[in-house]
Protein backbone atom coordinates (compact mmCIF):
# COMPACT_ATOMS: atom_id res chain seq x y z
CA MET A 1 17.75 -7.96 0.41
CA ILE A 2 15.02 -6.92 2.83
CA ALA A 3 11.35 -6.39 1.91
CA PHE A 4 9.10 -4.32 4.17
CA ASP A 5 5.51 -5.24 4.92
CA THR A 6 2.74 -2.71 5.43
CA THR A 7 3.04 -2.94 9.21
CA PHE A 8 6.68 -1.86 9.12
CA LEU A 9 5.93 1.02 6.76
CA VAL A 10 3.03 2.29 8.86
CA ASP A 11 5.08 1.99 12.06
CA TYR A 12 7.95 3.88 10.39
CA LEU A 13 5.65 6.67 9.21
CA GLU A 14 4.23 6.94 12.73
CA GLY A 15 7.75 7.35 14.14
CA ASP A 16 8.13 3.98 15.85
CA PRO A 17 11.69 3.91 17.27
CA ALA A 18 11.98 0.16 16.65
CA THR A 19 11.79 0.75 12.89
CA LYS A 20 14.52 3.38 13.07
CA ALA A 21 16.73 1.03 15.08
CA PHE A 22 16.06 -1.78 12.62
CA LEU A 23 17.15 0.40 9.70
CA GLU A 24 20.22 1.71 11.50
CA ASP A 25 21.35 -1.84 12.31
CA ARG A 26 21.02 -2.83 8.66
CA ASN A 27 22.12 0.32 6.84
CA HIS A 28 24.38 -1.68 4.52
CA GLU A 29 21.66 -4.03 3.24
CA PRO A 30 19.48 -3.18 0.22
CA PHE A 31 15.78 -2.94 0.95
CA TYR A 32 12.54 -2.32 -0.85
CA ALA A 33 8.82 -2.10 -0.26
CA PRO A 34 6.63 -4.18 -2.59
CA SER A 35 4.29 -1.91 -4.52
CA ILE A 36 1.25 -3.59 -2.99
CA ALA A 37 2.55 -2.77 0.51
CA LEU A 38 3.05 0.86 -0.51
CA PHE A 39 -0.45 0.94 -1.94
CA GLU A 40 -1.98 -0.58 1.19
CA THR A 41 -0.04 1.91 3.34
CA GLU A 42 -1.40 4.75 1.23
CA LEU A 43 -4.97 3.57 1.78
CA LEU A 44 -4.42 3.23 5.52
CA ALA A 45 -2.87 6.69 5.73
CA ASP A 46 -5.86 8.15 3.89
CA GLY A 47 -8.23 6.44 6.33
CA THR A 48 -9.77 4.33 3.59
CA PRO A 49 -8.81 0.74 4.36
CA ILE A 50 -10.41 -1.91 2.18
CA ASN A 51 -10.16 -5.69 2.39
CA LEU A 52 -6.96 -7.37 1.23
CA ARG A 53 -8.45 -8.95 -1.90
CA ASP A 54 -9.70 -5.58 -3.10
CA VAL A 55 -6.38 -3.93 -2.22
CA LEU A 56 -4.70 -6.41 -4.55
CA ILE A 57 -7.25 -5.85 -7.31
CA ALA A 58 -7.05 -2.05 -7.05
CA GLY A 59 -3.27 -2.04 -6.84
CA ILE A 60 -2.85 -4.23 -9.91
CA CYS A 61 -5.36 -2.19 -11.92
CA ARG A 62 -3.81 1.12 -10.92
CA HIS A 63 -0.29 -0.12 -11.63
CA ASN A 64 -1.31 -1.26 -15.12
CA GLY A 65 -3.52 1.74 -15.91
CA ALA A 66 -6.63 -0.42 -16.16
CA CYS A 67 -10.17 0.85 -15.63
CA LEU A 68 -11.91 -1.24 -12.98
CA VAL A 69 -15.58 -2.12 -13.55
CA SER A 70 -17.30 -2.86 -10.26
CA ARG A 71 -20.41 -2.16 -8.23
CA ALA A 72 -18.33 -1.88 -5.02
CA SER A 73 -18.24 1.81 -4.13
CA HIS A 74 -15.12 1.65 -1.94
CA PHE A 75 -12.93 1.50 -5.05
CA GLU A 76 -13.91 5.13 -5.74
CA HIS A 77 -11.75 6.17 -2.77
CA VAL A 78 -8.58 4.82 -4.37
CA GLY A 79 -6.59 7.70 -5.82
CA GLY A 80 -5.38 7.22 -9.36
CA LEU A 81 -7.75 4.33 -10.04
CA GLU A 82 -10.33 4.81 -12.77
CA THR A 83 -13.57 3.06 -11.89
CA VAL A 84 -16.82 2.49 -13.72
CA ALA A 85 -19.93 1.36 -11.86
CA TYR A 86 -22.51 -0.87 -13.46
């Protein structure tokens, strides 16, 4: 099984021929993208990158439907994440 990191996913979305070749050479192998990599890719595509620790926090909260209480305003840019400022 192959797991893709954020760099691979971003390169693939940007049309990098190396990613296409990689997939074609391994078309018989199962692959997946960890949900945190998908989430980080989504933030990068939206132009709202945040630091890795906060990506993990936001991804876990969004995945579990939790409301995140924080004074950090960058969490407000994460789609599908309910935030409450204090």
